[in-house]
């Protein structure tokens, strides 16, 4: 039985977007029918990387793409500040949307997106790829089962040479006018999201400190918080580091779970440790595959806009706390 054809438009054609293009073009029945990007060079590069797109209609403005090309869905991979208007424009045209992280730059914007998605009934996803990876899916399943008791404490660390690559490289990610924030709102968005998704509880309050190291945007962020269920949380975003390192550990009443690389380290009821290799844990695919399957009605979207809302609520609260030097309540 033939699959339903899906026509996709691309808003943004930078490196990240071109990765998504490859993912989408590998899915049976998916056609990329138009590209929008203010950079002519990026549009040309998309055609070089993916010869199937060499003759695709190209536009400098996403509004022209939406008005001139018949589509079913759009993938957005642009500087963060543009996400909100582009999402709302696409939903307003009756198009399904997959957006890169962070979904939007403010809680107010996230609430408006969520309301529009509910109103239209369209498929909306955020490209949080960790939702599809075995280690995180396994831990979420274990925590949500309730058999290990409640979550008492979570630590999450992310370090990388963000300051050197972004601020030193003078990229758009280092400019507040385009990025809305620094590493906390960029790669740190993945860390916040996956912790919230695995634990399955909102954070009700935070006390944070930050340091921009002279840049326009945050580079170093330390967050202490409390989950709705009473568990405590420490998040460290280290954007000035010579190495990449990430670590997540979750302590429950009856078990401890840790993500070390792609693997899960697990202690249940005692000191004996079990290492579950990430390669042996079932993966679900990718945001792109899931997005198309959700449009076709064969899967549920795995990173819905509620995830984007949860992340920006926590992010904004951390920014506010760091600025004021006092605890801040995360809005419900």
Protein backbone atom coordinates (compact mmCIF):
# COMPACT_ATOMS: atom_id res chain seq x y z
CA UNK A 1 0.00 0.00 0.00
CA UNK A 2 1.54 3.35 -1.04
CA UNK A 3 2.38 5.78 1.76
CA UNK A 4 0.83 9.23 1.93
CA UNK A 5 3.01 11.78 0.14
CA UNK A 6 4.13 14.70 2.30
CA UNK A 7 5.33 17.99 0.82
CA UNK A 8 7.73 19.82 3.14
CA UNK A 9 9.07 23.36 3.02
CA UNK A 10 12.33 24.35 4.73
CA UNK A 11 12.68 27.65 6.57
CA UNK A 12 16.41 27.96 7.04
CA UNK A 13 19.13 26.19 5.04
CA UNK A 14 22.19 26.32 7.27
CA UNK A 15 24.17 23.30 8.41
CA UNK A 16 21.57 22.09 10.86
CA UNK A 17 18.79 22.52 8.32
CA UNK A 18 20.76 20.62 5.69
CA UNK A 19 21.10 17.71 8.12
CA UNK A 20 17.31 17.69 8.49
CA UNK A 21 16.98 17.81 4.70
CA UNK A 22 18.97 14.61 4.40
CA UNK A 23 16.82 12.93 7.05
CA UNK A 24 13.59 13.99 5.36
CA UNK A 25 14.71 13.03 1.85
CA UNK A 26 15.47 9.51 3.10
CA UNK A 27 11.82 8.96 4.12
CA UNK A 28 9.61 7.32 1.51
CA UNK A 29 7.02 9.66 0.04
CA UNK A 30 8.56 12.88 1.41
CA UNK A 31 9.38 15.69 -1.00
CA UNK A 32 11.05 18.99 -0.13
CA UNK A 33 9.24 21.49 -2.33
CA UNK A 34 10.77 24.84 -1.36
CA UNK A 35 13.46 26.58 0.67
CA UNK A 36 13.63 29.95 2.40
CA UNK A 37 16.77 31.64 3.71
CA UNK A 38 18.06 35.24 3.50
CA UNK A 39 21.51 33.86 2.61
CA UNK A 40 21.86 33.04 -1.07
CA UNK A 41 25.05 31.14 -0.27
CA UNK A 42 23.24 28.85 2.17
CA UNK A 43 20.50 28.17 -0.39
CA UNK A 44 23.12 27.27 -3.00
CA UNK A 45 24.89 25.00 -0.50
CA UNK A 46 21.64 23.13 0.14
CA UNK A 47 21.47 22.31 -3.57
CA UNK A 48 25.09 21.15 -3.56
CA UNK A 49 24.63 18.95 -0.50
CA UNK A 50 21.35 17.53 -1.77
CA UNK A 51 21.23 17.47 -5.59
CA UNK A 52 17.50 16.68 -5.49
CA UNK A 53 17.00 20.26 -4.26
CA UNK A 54 19.15 21.98 -6.87
CA UNK A 55 16.05 23.17 -8.75
CA UNK A 56 13.72 23.63 -5.77
CA UNK A 57 12.08 27.08 -5.52
CA UNK A 58 14.13 29.33 -3.23
CA UNK A 59 13.06 32.46 -1.39
CA UNK A 60 14.79 35.01 0.83
CA UNK A 61 11.68 35.45 2.99
CA UNK A 62 9.67 32.66 4.58
CA UNK A 63 6.42 34.51 3.90
CA UNK A 64 7.03 34.21 0.16
CA UNK A 65 7.63 30.48 0.54
CA UNK A 66 4.35 30.10 2.42
CA UNK A 67 2.35 32.12 -0.09
CA UNK A 68 3.81 30.70 -3.30
CA UNK A 69 4.41 26.98 -2.66
CA UNK A 70 1.83 24.28 -1.93
CA UNK A 71 2.97 22.35 1.12
CA UNK A 72 1.74 20.08 3.89
CA UNK A 73 4.40 20.80 6.49
CA UNK A 74 7.36 23.00 7.33
CA UNK A 75 10.62 22.44 9.17
CA UNK A 76 12.08 25.53 10.87
CA UNK A 77 15.83 25.78 11.54
CA UNK A 78 16.65 29.46 11.97
CA UNK A 79 18.06 31.78 14.66
CA UNK A 80 15.99 31.46 17.82
CA UNK A 81 14.43 34.92 17.76
CA UNK A 82 12.60 34.14 14.50
CA UNK A 83 10.99 30.88 15.63
CA UNK A 84 7.82 32.33 17.13
CA UNK A 85 6.69 34.39 14.13
CA UNK A 86 7.62 31.59 11.73
CA UNK A 87 5.75 28.95 13.75
CA UNK A 88 2.63 31.11 13.99
CA UNK A 89 2.77 32.00 10.28
CA UNK A 90 2.99 28.31 9.35
CA UNK A 91 0.19 27.24 11.68
CA UNK A 92 -1.88 30.10 10.30
CA UNK A 93 -1.45 28.59 6.84
CA UNK A 94 -2.66 25.19 8.05
CA UNK A 95 0.79 23.60 7.95
CA UNK A 96 2.25 21.04 10.34
CA UNK A 97 5.47 22.28 11.99
CA UNK A 98 8.70 20.78 13.26
CA UNK A 99 10.89 23.45 14.88
CA UNK A 100 14.47 23.37 16.09
CA UNK A 101 15.16 24.10 19.74
CA UNK A 102 14.52 26.26 21.63
CA UNK A 103 10.92 26.41 20.46
CA UNK A 104 10.56 30.10 21.32
CA UNK A 105 12.21 32.79 23.44
CA UNK A 106 9.55 33.59 26.06
CA UNK A 107 6.90 31.79 28.09
CA UNK A 108 4.26 34.10 26.63
CA UNK A 109 5.21 33.03 23.12
CA UNK A 110 5.18 29.35 24.09
CA UNK A 111 1.67 29.65 25.53
CA UNK A 112 0.47 31.31 22.33
CA UNK A 113 1.98 28.51 20.21
CA UNK A 114 0.37 25.87 22.39
CA UNK A 115 -3.02 27.57 22.12
CA UNK A 116 -2.74 27.75 18.32
CA UNK A 117 -1.75 24.09 18.04
CA UNK A 118 -4.75 23.08 20.14
CA UNK A 119 -7.02 25.34 18.10
CA UNK A 120 -5.88 24.04 14.72
CA UNK A 121 -5.26 20.38 15.59
CA UNK A 122 -2.07 20.46 13.53
CA UNK A 123 1.02 18.39 14.33
CA UNK A 124 3.69 20.43 16.09
CA UNK A 125 7.01 19.05 17.29
CA UNK A 126 10.27 20.37 18.73
CA UNK A 127 13.47 18.77 17.47
CA UNK A 128 14.68 17.32 20.77
CA UNK A 129 16.44 14.24 19.42
CA UNK A 130 17.22 12.78 22.85
CA UNK A 131 13.58 11.73 23.20
CA UNK A 132 14.39 9.05 20.62
CA UNK A 133 17.62 7.74 22.14
CA UNK A 134 17.65 4.49 24.09
CA UNK A 135 19.39 5.63 27.28
CA UNK A 136 16.97 8.46 27.96
CA UNK A 137 13.91 6.48 26.95
CA UNK A 138 14.93 3.65 29.27
CA UNK A 139 15.42 5.94 32.28
CA UNK A 140 12.14 7.76 31.62
CA UNK A 141 10.32 4.41 31.51
CA UNK A 142 11.93 3.34 34.80
CA UNK A 143 11.11 6.59 36.57
CA UNK A 144 7.56 6.75 35.26
CA UNK A 145 6.87 3.17 36.37
CA UNK A 146 6.94 4.28 40.00
CA UNK A 147 8.61 1.05 41.12
CA UNK A 148 11.75 2.86 42.27
CA UNK A 149 9.94 5.37 44.47
CA UNK A 150 10.08 9.11 44.05
CA UNK A 151 12.91 11.15 42.59
CA UNK A 152 14.90 12.76 45.42
CA UNK A 153 17.80 14.47 43.64
CA UNK A 154 19.03 15.18 40.11
CA UNK A 155 22.36 16.57 38.98
CA UNK A 156 22.97 17.50 35.35
CA UNK A 157 26.17 18.94 33.91
CA UNK A 158 27.03 20.17 30.44
CA UNK A 159 30.38 21.64 29.45
CA UNK A 160 31.75 22.62 26.06
CA UNK A 161 33.90 25.30 24.40
CA UNK A 162 30.82 27.37 23.60
CA UNK A 163 32.51 30.66 24.51
CA UNK A 164 35.38 30.05 22.10
CA UNK A 165 33.29 28.71 19.23
CA UNK A 166 30.34 31.08 19.43
CA UNK A 167 31.54 34.30 21.06
CA UNK A 168 35.05 33.96 19.66
CA UNK A 169 33.57 33.02 16.30
CA UNK A 170 31.14 35.97 16.43
CA UNK A 171 28.26 33.72 15.40
CA UNK A 172 24.58 34.69 15.62
CA UNK A 173 24.30 32.46 18.69
CA UNK A 174 26.50 34.93 20.58
CA UNK A 175 24.19 37.88 19.74
CA UNK A 176 21.22 38.56 22.00
CA UNK A 177 19.24 40.06 19.11
CA UNK A 178 19.23 36.68 17.34
CA UNK A 179 19.69 34.06 20.07
CA UNK A 180 17.67 35.53 23.00
CA UNK A 181 20.29 34.04 25.36
CA UNK A 182 23.49 32.04 25.53
CA UNK A 183 24.41 28.41 26.06
CA UNK A 184 21.55 27.86 28.52
CA UNK A 185 19.11 28.67 25.71
CA UNK A 186 21.11 26.85 23.03
CA UNK A 187 22.69 23.46 23.67
CA UNK A 188 21.66 23.78 27.32
CA UNK A 189 18.07 23.61 26.13
CA UNK A 190 18.64 19.91 25.36
CA UNK A 191 19.86 19.26 28.90
CA UNK A 192 16.93 21.03 30.58
CA UNK A 193 14.45 19.30 28.30
CA UNK A 194 15.71 15.77 28.79
CA UNK A 195 15.84 16.12 32.58
CA UNK A 196 12.27 17.44 32.68
CA UNK A 197 11.10 14.75 30.24
CA UNK A 198 12.70 11.86 32.12
CA UNK A 199 11.56 12.97 35.57
CA UNK A 200 8.09 13.91 34.35
CA UNK A 201 7.64 16.70 36.90
CA UNK A 202 7.82 20.48 36.55
CA UNK A 203 10.31 22.52 38.55
CA UNK A 204 8.44 24.83 40.92
CA UNK A 205 11.24 27.22 41.86
CA UNK A 206 14.91 28.03 41.16
CA UNK A 207 17.84 29.98 42.56
CA UNK A 208 20.43 30.67 39.88
CA UNK A 209 23.68 32.48 39.23
CA UNK A 210 25.23 33.32 35.90
CA UNK A 211 28.26 34.89 34.27
CA UNK A 212 28.47 36.25 30.71
CA UNK A 213 32.29 36.56 30.82
CA UNK A 214 31.92 39.90 29.06
CA UNK A 215 29.73 38.54 26.26
CA UNK A 216 26.20 39.66 25.37
CA UNK A 217 24.77 36.30 26.41
CA UNK A 218 25.09 33.83 29.29
CA UNK A 219 28.13 31.55 29.28
CA UNK A 220 28.16 30.03 32.78
CA UNK A 221 24.94 29.15 34.64
CA UNK A 222 24.40 27.39 37.96
CA UNK A 223 20.81 26.44 38.82
CA UNK A 224 19.45 24.98 42.04
CA UNK A 225 15.78 24.03 42.00
CA UNK A 226 13.00 21.96 43.45
CA UNK A 227 10.65 19.65 41.57
CA UNK A 228 6.93 19.71 42.21
CA UNK A 229 7.28 16.35 43.97
CA UNK A 230 9.88 17.68 46.39
CA UNK A 231 13.05 16.36 44.73
CA UNK A 232 16.01 18.72 44.42
CA UNK A 233 17.85 19.70 41.26
CA UNK A 234 21.30 21.02 40.35
CA UNK A 235 22.05 22.05 36.77
CA UNK A 236 25.48 23.28 35.67
CA UNK A 237 26.00 24.87 32.26
CA UNK A 238 29.71 25.43 31.65
CA UNK A 239 30.22 27.29 28.41
CA UNK A 240 33.92 28.04 28.82
CA UNK A 241 35.67 24.68 28.77
CA UNK A 242 38.43 23.01 26.79
CA UNK A 243 36.42 19.80 26.52
CA UNK A 244 32.94 18.48 25.96
CA UNK A 245 31.45 16.65 28.93
CA UNK A 246 27.92 15.80 29.94
CA UNK A 247 26.67 13.92 32.96
CA UNK A 248 23.20 13.24 34.40
CA UNK A 249 22.55 11.35 37.63
CA UNK A 250 19.14 10.72 39.20
CA UNK A 251 18.69 9.40 42.75
CA UNK A 252 15.38 7.71 43.63
CA UNK A 253 14.20 6.01 46.84
CA UNK A 254 15.21 2.56 45.61
CA UNK A 255 17.54 3.13 42.68
CA UNK A 256 20.09 5.44 41.08
CA UNK A 257 20.36 6.04 37.34
CA UNK A 258 23.16 7.79 35.50
CA UNK A 259 23.80 8.61 31.85
CA UNK A 260 27.48 8.16 31.04
CA UNK A 261 28.05 8.79 27.35
CA UNK A 262 25.47 6.68 25.52
CA UNK A 263 25.19 4.14 28.35
CA UNK A 264 23.02 3.85 31.43
CA UNK A 265 24.62 3.03 34.79
CA UNK A 266 22.03 1.62 37.14
CA UNK A 267 22.04 0.75 40.85
CA UNK A 268 18.85 -0.91 42.12
CA UNK A 269 18.55 -1.62 45.83
CA UNK A 270 22.26 -1.71 46.60
CA UNK A 271 25.88 -1.11 45.59
CA UNK A 272 25.89 -3.49 42.63
CA UNK A 273 26.07 -1.56 39.36
CA UNK A 274 24.59 -2.68 36.05
CA UNK A 275 25.79 -0.99 32.86
CA UNK A 276 23.28 -1.03 30.04
CA UNK A 277 25.01 -0.26 26.75
CA UNK A 278 23.27 2.42 24.76
CA UNK A 279 23.73 0.34 21.62
CA UNK A 280 21.58 -2.38 23.16
CA UNK A 281 18.77 -0.05 24.23
CA UNK A 282 15.97 0.48 21.69
CA UNK A 283 16.06 3.77 19.79
CA UNK A 284 12.93 5.18 18.21
CA UNK A 285 14.40 6.95 15.20
CA UNK A 286 14.63 10.72 14.84
CA UNK A 287 12.49 13.87 15.17
CA UNK A 288 12.15 13.99 11.38
CA UNK A 289 10.92 10.41 11.03
CA UNK A 290 8.55 10.84 13.97
CA UNK A 291 7.21 14.12 12.57
CA UNK A 292 6.28 12.56 9.24
CA UNK A 293 4.81 9.50 10.95
CA UNK A 294 2.72 11.76 13.21
CA UNK A 295 1.36 13.61 10.17
CA UNK A 296 0.46 10.24 8.64
CA UNK A 297 -1.23 9.22 11.89
CA UNK A 298 0.98 6.22 12.63
CA UNK A 299 2.85 7.67 15.65
CA UNK A 300 2.36 10.22 18.41
CA UNK A 301 4.68 13.22 18.32
CA UNK A 302 7.43 12.51 20.86
CA UNK A 303 8.51 16.08 21.67
CA UNK A 304 5.31 18.16 21.57
CA UNK A 305 5.17 21.93 22.17
CA UNK A 306 4.47 21.30 25.86
CA UNK A 307 8.15 20.34 26.10
CA UNK A 308 9.16 23.67 24.59
CA UNK A 309 6.93 25.46 27.09
CA UNK A 310 8.44 23.60 30.06
CA UNK A 311 11.99 24.43 28.94
CA UNK A 312 11.43 28.15 28.38
CA UNK A 313 9.59 28.50 31.71
CA UNK A 314 12.59 27.04 33.53
CA UNK A 315 15.07 29.01 31.40
CA UNK A 316 13.33 32.34 31.97
CA UNK A 317 13.09 31.70 35.70
CA UNK A 318 16.84 30.97 35.82
CA UNK A 319 17.64 34.16 33.92
CA UNK A 320 15.43 36.20 36.24
CA UNK A 321 16.91 34.64 39.37
CA UNK A 322 20.49 35.24 38.19
CA UNK A 323 19.66 38.86 37.40
CA UNK A 324 17.84 39.56 40.68
CA UNK A 325 20.06 37.46 42.92
CA UNK A 326 17.12 35.78 44.63
CA UNK A 327 14.90 32.68 44.24
CA UNK A 328 12.22 32.82 41.53
CA UNK A 329 9.01 30.78 41.27
CA UNK A 330 8.58 28.94 37.97
CA UNK A 331 5.06 29.66 36.69
CA UNK A 332 2.67 26.70 36.64
